[in-house]
């Protein structure tokens, strides 16, 4: 699990411009997932279409973004066998106070990327 160069070149521009619009919502959701004890590993699946992973948090139409943002956490990814090596996932994990873990889904492409939250 890493920030894939393919992802950076093809997607990072649109993800970054969208992320600014939804960063506060994702950061607050990450905090609430952890505070309420659901998981220490919040994950935000993003997709331009609808997907059945997590719960819709910020829709494209409502937020004027190119991507839909969903809220989920590690256990769902393990249950769906999207994460098969939990130890490897946890070792690559970055602080959820500083980074959002996005799971980018586009056509046949899926990958994790960590995006730093903007500083206040």
C-alpha atoms as a PDB file:
ATOM      1  CA  UNK A   1       0.000   0.000   0.000  1.00  0.00           C
ATOM      2  CA  UNK A   2       1.568   3.253  -1.115  1.00  0.00           C
ATOM      3  CA  UNK A   3       0.996   6.403  -3.110  1.00  0.00           C
ATOM      4  CA  UNK A   4       1.264   4.879  -6.574  1.00  0.00           C
ATOM      5  CA  UNK A   5       2.952   7.053  -9.263  1.00  0.00           C
ATOM      6  CA  UNK A   6       0.244   5.967 -11.715  1.00  0.00           C
ATOM      7  CA  UNK A   7      -2.349   7.360  -9.361  1.00  0.00           C
ATOM      8  CA  UNK A   8      -0.409  10.592  -8.942  1.00  0.00           C
ATOM      9  CA  UNK A   9      -0.169  11.276 -12.649  1.00  0.00           C
ATOM     10  CA  UNK A  10      -3.656  10.327 -13.663  1.00  0.00           C
ATOM     11  CA  UNK A  11      -5.809  11.313 -10.689  1.00  0.00           C
ATOM     12  CA  UNK A  12      -4.014  13.495  -8.204  1.00  0.00           C
ATOM     13  CA  UNK A  13      -4.963  16.804  -9.868  1.00  0.00           C
ATOM     14  CA  UNK A  14      -8.727  16.242  -9.720  1.00  0.00           C
ATOM     15  CA  UNK A  15      -8.523  14.574  -6.324  1.00  0.00           C
ATOM     16  CA  UNK A  16      -6.523  17.491  -4.893  1.00  0.00           C
ATOM     17  CA  UNK A  17      -8.897  20.139  -6.220  1.00  0.00           C
ATOM     18  CA  UNK A  18     -11.889  18.199  -4.873  1.00  0.00           C
ATOM     19  CA  UNK A  19     -10.205  17.441  -1.576  1.00  0.00           C
ATOM     20  CA  UNK A  20     -10.027  21.108  -0.634  1.00  0.00           C
ATOM     21  CA  UNK A  21     -13.837  21.264  -0.814  1.00  0.00           C
ATOM     22  CA  UNK A  22     -14.434  18.209   1.398  1.00  0.00           C
ATOM     23  CA  UNK A  23     -11.345  18.085   3.664  1.00  0.00           C
ATOM     24  CA  UNK A  24     -13.120  19.522   6.721  1.00  0.00           C
ATOM     25  CA  UNK A  25     -15.970  17.016   6.419  1.00  0.00           C
ATOM     26  CA  UNK A  26     -13.540  14.109   6.007  1.00  0.00           C
ATOM     27  CA  UNK A  27     -11.415  15.246   8.937  1.00  0.00           C
ATOM     28  CA  UNK A  28     -14.440  15.589  11.227  1.00  0.00           C
ATOM     29  CA  UNK A  29     -15.805  12.220  10.082  1.00  0.00           C
ATOM     30  CA  UNK A  30     -12.429  10.590  10.682  1.00  0.00           C
ATOM     31  CA  UNK A  31     -12.394  12.014  14.192  1.00  0.00           C
ATOM     32  CA  UNK A  32     -15.954  10.827  14.924  1.00  0.00           C
ATOM     33  CA  UNK A  33     -15.285   7.296  13.604  1.00  0.00           C
ATOM     34  CA  UNK A  34     -12.327   7.034  15.961  1.00  0.00           C
ATOM     35  CA  UNK A  35     -13.948   8.812  18.935  1.00  0.00           C
ATOM     36  CA  UNK A  36     -17.072   6.640  18.809  1.00  0.00           C
ATOM     37  CA  UNK A  37     -14.918   3.515  18.738  1.00  0.00           C
ATOM     38  CA  UNK A  38     -15.939   2.226  15.307  1.00  0.00           C
ATOM     39  CA  UNK A  39     -12.341   1.952  14.126  1.00  0.00           C
ATOM     40  CA  UNK A  40      -8.900   3.480  14.444  1.00  0.00           C
ATOM     41  CA  UNK A  41      -8.616   3.185  10.651  1.00  0.00           C
ATOM     42  CA  UNK A  42     -11.144   5.401   8.827  1.00  0.00           C
ATOM     43  CA  UNK A  43     -11.069   5.009   5.047  1.00  0.00           C
ATOM     44  CA  UNK A  44     -12.784   7.230   2.498  1.00  0.00           C
ATOM     45  CA  UNK A  45     -13.666   5.447  -0.745  1.00  0.00           C
ATOM     46  CA  UNK A  46     -14.043   7.856  -3.655  1.00  0.00           C
ATOM     47  CA  UNK A  47     -15.583   7.171  -7.033  1.00  0.00           C
ATOM     48  CA  UNK A  48     -17.131   9.149  -9.872  1.00  0.00           C
ATOM     49  CA  UNK A  49     -20.043   6.695  -9.930  1.00  0.00           C
ATOM     50  CA  UNK A  50     -22.009   5.165  -7.064  1.00  0.00           C
ATOM     51  CA  UNK A  51     -20.329   2.311  -5.185  1.00  0.00           C
ATOM     52  CA  UNK A  52     -21.447  -0.052  -2.453  1.00  0.00           C
ATOM     53  CA  UNK A  53     -18.547   0.528  -0.089  1.00  0.00           C
ATOM     54  CA  UNK A  54     -19.228   2.609   2.998  1.00  0.00           C
ATOM     55  CA  UNK A  55     -21.850   5.326   3.327  1.00  0.00           C
ATOM     56  CA  UNK A  56     -22.128   8.346   1.050  1.00  0.00           C
ATOM     57  CA  UNK A  57     -20.658  11.338   2.835  1.00  0.00           C
ATOM     58  CA  UNK A  58     -20.238  14.002   0.150  1.00  0.00           C
ATOM     59  CA  UNK A  59     -21.916  13.583  -3.212  1.00  0.00           C
ATOM     60  CA  UNK A  60     -20.659  15.119  -6.444  1.00  0.00           C
ATOM     61  CA  UNK A  61     -23.816  17.097  -7.112  1.00  0.00           C
ATOM     62  CA  UNK A  62     -24.166  18.500  -3.600  1.00  0.00           C
ATOM     63  CA  UNK A  63     -20.531  19.573  -3.258  1.00  0.00           C
ATOM     64  CA  UNK A  64     -19.644  20.434  -6.865  1.00  0.00           C
ATOM     65  CA  UNK A  65     -16.858  17.848  -6.933  1.00  0.00           C
ATOM     66  CA  UNK A  66     -15.789  15.327  -9.562  1.00  0.00           C
ATOM     67  CA  UNK A  67     -15.781  12.475  -7.032  1.00  0.00           C
ATOM     68  CA  UNK A  68     -18.312  11.036  -4.587  1.00  0.00           C
ATOM     69  CA  UNK A  69     -16.817  10.599  -1.110  1.00  0.00           C
ATOM     70  CA  UNK A  70     -17.870   7.726   1.129  1.00  0.00           C
ATOM     71  CA  UNK A  71     -17.021   6.920   4.764  1.00  0.00           C
ATOM     72  CA  UNK A  72     -15.871   3.481   5.824  1.00  0.00           C
ATOM     73  CA  UNK A  73     -13.204   1.787   7.926  1.00  0.00           C
ATOM     74  CA  UNK A  74     -10.747  -1.066   7.841  1.00  0.00           C
ATOM     75  CA  UNK A  75     -13.103  -3.824   9.037  1.00  0.00           C
ATOM     76  CA  UNK A  76     -15.393  -3.366   6.032  1.00  0.00           C
ATOM     77  CA  UNK A  77     -12.390  -3.596   3.708  1.00  0.00           C
ATOM     78  CA  UNK A  78     -11.249  -6.794   5.419  1.00  0.00           C
ATOM     79  CA  UNK A  79     -14.770  -8.268   5.282  1.00  0.00           C
ATOM     80  CA  UNK A  80     -15.010  -7.482   1.552  1.00  0.00           C
ATOM     81  CA  UNK A  81     -11.479  -8.858   1.006  1.00  0.00           C
ATOM     82  CA  UNK A  82     -10.301  -5.524  -0.397  1.00  0.00           C
ATOM     83  CA  UNK A  83      -7.544  -5.636   2.235  1.00  0.00           C
ATOM     84  CA  UNK A  84      -6.074  -9.120   2.438  1.00  0.00           C
ATOM     85  CA  UNK A  85      -2.931  -8.339   4.428  1.00  0.00           C
ATOM     86  CA  UNK A  86      -4.065  -6.453   7.514  1.00  0.00           C
ATOM     87  CA  UNK A  87      -0.546  -6.253   8.948  1.00  0.00           C
ATOM     88  CA  UNK A  88       0.804  -4.658   5.764  1.00  0.00           C
ATOM     89  CA  UNK A  89      -2.097  -2.212   5.720  1.00  0.00           C
ATOM     90  CA  UNK A  90      -1.511  -1.182   9.328  1.00  0.00           C
ATOM     91  CA  UNK A  91       2.243  -0.760   8.742  1.00  0.00           C
ATOM     92  CA  UNK A  92       1.572   1.659   5.852  1.00  0.00           C
ATOM     93  CA  UNK A  93      -1.051   3.613   7.807  1.00  0.00           C
ATOM     94  CA  UNK A  94      -0.526   7.356   8.361  1.00  0.00           C
ATOM     95  CA  UNK A  95      -1.922   9.436  11.215  1.00  0.00           C
ATOM     96  CA  UNK A  96      -5.640  10.063  10.607  1.00  0.00           C
ATOM     97  CA  UNK A  97      -5.272  13.436  12.332  1.00  0.00           C
ATOM     98  CA  UNK A  98      -2.923  14.525   9.548  1.00  0.00           C
ATOM     99  CA  UNK A  99      -3.940  12.422   6.516  1.00  0.00           C
ATOM    100  CA  UNK A 100      -7.093  11.124   4.867  1.00  0.00           C
ATOM    101  CA  UNK A 101      -6.851   7.570   3.588  1.00  0.00           C
ATOM    102  CA  UNK A 102      -8.680   7.604   0.261  1.00  0.00           C
ATOM    103  CA  UNK A 103      -9.594   4.451  -1.630  1.00  0.00           C
ATOM    104  CA  UNK A 104      -9.776   5.568  -5.260  1.00  0.00           C
ATOM    105  CA  UNK A 105     -12.124   3.539  -7.476  1.00  0.00           C
ATOM    106  CA  UNK A 106     -12.292   4.329 -11.193  1.00  0.00           C
ATOM    107  CA  UNK A 107     -13.367   1.776 -13.791  1.00  0.00           C
ATOM    108  CA  UNK A 108     -10.942  -1.134 -13.356  1.00  0.00           C
ATOM    109  CA  UNK A 109      -8.515   0.807 -11.148  1.00  0.00           C
ATOM    110  CA  UNK A 110      -8.516   0.708  -7.346  1.00  0.00           C
ATOM    111  CA  UNK A 111      -5.809   1.950  -4.975  1.00  0.00           C
ATOM    112  CA  UNK A 112      -5.228   3.641  -1.631  1.00  0.00           C
ATOM    113  CA  UNK A 113      -3.698   7.090  -1.376  1.00  0.00           C
ATOM    114  CA  UNK A 114      -2.984   9.258   1.648  1.00  0.00           C
ATOM    115  CA  UNK A 115      -3.726  12.974   1.223  1.00  0.00           C
ATOM    116  CA  UNK A 116      -2.614  15.432   3.922  1.00  0.00           C
ATOM    117  CA  UNK A 117      -5.326  17.559   5.437  1.00  0.00           C
ATOM    118  CA  UNK A 118      -4.800  21.292   4.840  1.00  0.00           C
ATOM    119  CA  UNK A 119      -3.270  23.090   7.790  1.00  0.00           C
ATOM    120  CA  UNK A 120      -5.575  25.547   9.544  1.00  0.00           C
END
